[in-house]
Protein backbone atom coordinates (compact mmCIF):
# COMPACT_ATOMS: atom_id res chain seq x y z
CA MET A 1 71.11 -63.20 15.25
CA THR A 2 68.19 -61.52 13.53
CA TYR A 3 68.51 -57.55 12.60
CA THR A 4 65.43 -55.10 12.21
CA VAL A 5 64.53 -53.82 9.40
CA GLN A 6 63.52 -50.29 8.40
CA ILE A 7 62.29 -49.14 5.49
CA MET A 8 62.42 -45.48 5.01
CA ALA A 9 59.22 -43.50 4.01
CA SER A 10 60.74 -42.38 0.61
CA ALA A 11 61.54 -46.18 -0.22
CA LEU A 12 57.99 -47.36 1.24
CA LYS A 13 56.19 -44.72 -1.16
CA ALA A 14 58.39 -45.71 -4.21
CA LEU A 15 57.50 -49.57 -3.42
CA GLY A 16 53.61 -48.63 -3.14
CA ARG A 17 54.10 -47.38 -7.00
CA LEU A 18 55.23 -50.92 -8.18
CA PRO A 19 52.86 -53.59 -9.72
CA ARG A 20 51.88 -55.64 -7.25
CA ALA A 21 53.80 -59.12 -8.28
CA ASP A 22 57.11 -56.70 -7.76
CA GLN A 23 56.16 -55.45 -4.91
CA GLU A 24 55.75 -59.01 -3.02
CA ARG A 25 59.09 -60.15 -4.56
CA ILE A 26 60.73 -57.32 -3.25
CA ARG A 27 58.95 -57.24 -0.01
CA ASP A 28 59.97 -60.71 0.59
CA ARG A 29 63.70 -60.28 0.22
CA ILE A 30 63.70 -56.98 2.13
CA ASP A 31 62.32 -58.96 5.08
CA ALA A 32 65.01 -61.58 3.97
CA LEU A 33 67.64 -58.84 5.15
CA ALA A 34 66.66 -59.54 8.53
CA PHE A 35 68.93 -63.34 8.36
CA ALA A 36 71.09 -62.47 5.58
CA GLN A 37 72.59 -58.62 5.87
CA ARG A 38 74.99 -59.79 3.22
CA PRO A 39 73.28 -62.07 0.64
CA ALA A 40 74.99 -63.51 -1.89
CA GLY A 41 75.03 -61.32 -4.80
CA VAL A 42 74.92 -58.69 -2.85
CA ALA A 43 77.29 -55.95 -4.01
CA LYS A 44 78.71 -52.76 -2.07
CA MET A 45 78.02 -49.55 -3.85
CA SER A 46 81.30 -47.56 -4.39
CA GLY A 47 81.50 -44.12 -3.59
CA THR A 48 80.05 -45.05 -0.05
CA GLU A 49 81.37 -46.27 2.72
CA ALA A 50 78.34 -48.21 4.02
CA LEU A 51 75.86 -48.73 1.41
CA TYR A 52 74.55 -52.09 -0.40
CA ARG A 53 72.51 -52.89 -3.16
CA ILE A 54 70.64 -56.14 -3.97
CA ARG A 55 69.07 -57.06 -7.28
CA VAL A 56 65.38 -57.97 -7.91
CA GLY A 57 64.27 -58.75 -11.07
CA ASP A 58 64.78 -55.10 -12.80
CA TYR A 59 64.70 -53.09 -9.45
CA ARG A 60 67.07 -52.69 -7.07
CA VAL A 61 66.96 -52.57 -3.03
CA VAL A 62 69.82 -50.01 -1.29
CA TYR A 63 70.56 -50.26 1.98
CA GLN A 64 72.48 -49.78 4.95
CA VAL A 65 73.56 -51.98 7.21
CA ARG A 66 74.33 -50.85 10.69
CA ASP A 67 75.99 -53.77 12.77
CA GLU A 68 76.51 -52.03 16.34
CA ALA A 69 72.61 -51.55 16.09
CA LEU A 70 71.36 -54.39 14.57
CA LEU A 71 69.74 -52.59 12.17
CA VAL A 72 69.23 -52.58 8.13
CA LEU A 73 67.92 -49.48 7.04
CA VAL A 74 66.37 -49.78 3.12
CA ILE A 75 66.94 -46.47 1.84
CA ARG A 76 65.71 -46.64 -1.61
CA VAL A 77 63.56 -49.22 -4.07
CA GLY A 78 63.39 -48.55 -7.69
CA HIS A 79 64.08 -49.73 -11.35
CA ARG A 80 68.15 -50.25 -12.19
CA LYS A 81 67.74 -47.01 -14.56
CA ASP A 82 66.49 -44.85 -11.90
CA VAL A 83 67.64 -45.80 -8.80
CA TYR A 84 70.80 -44.65 -8.66
CA ARG A 85 70.74 -41.30 -9.79
CA GLN A 86 71.01 -38.64 -6.90
CA ARG A 87 67.98 -36.59 -6.45
């Protein structure tokens, strides 16, 4: 079953600031979440109930899976040193 993938405006803005080659790699991985919501290498984030992260080189994509709505919501995209910090 295919899920809908939505990217929050803040994550889309952060993605737009990255180098073009990295943007393409990250977009490919985000698009793949529609078919495999919890792919190999995914990690459930501690301290949260429903957040997951995937690695794309030095970057991380933090997202939430809403199975009841068949939705994957991308919350954050960023470098590994920054993405886990609270705003």
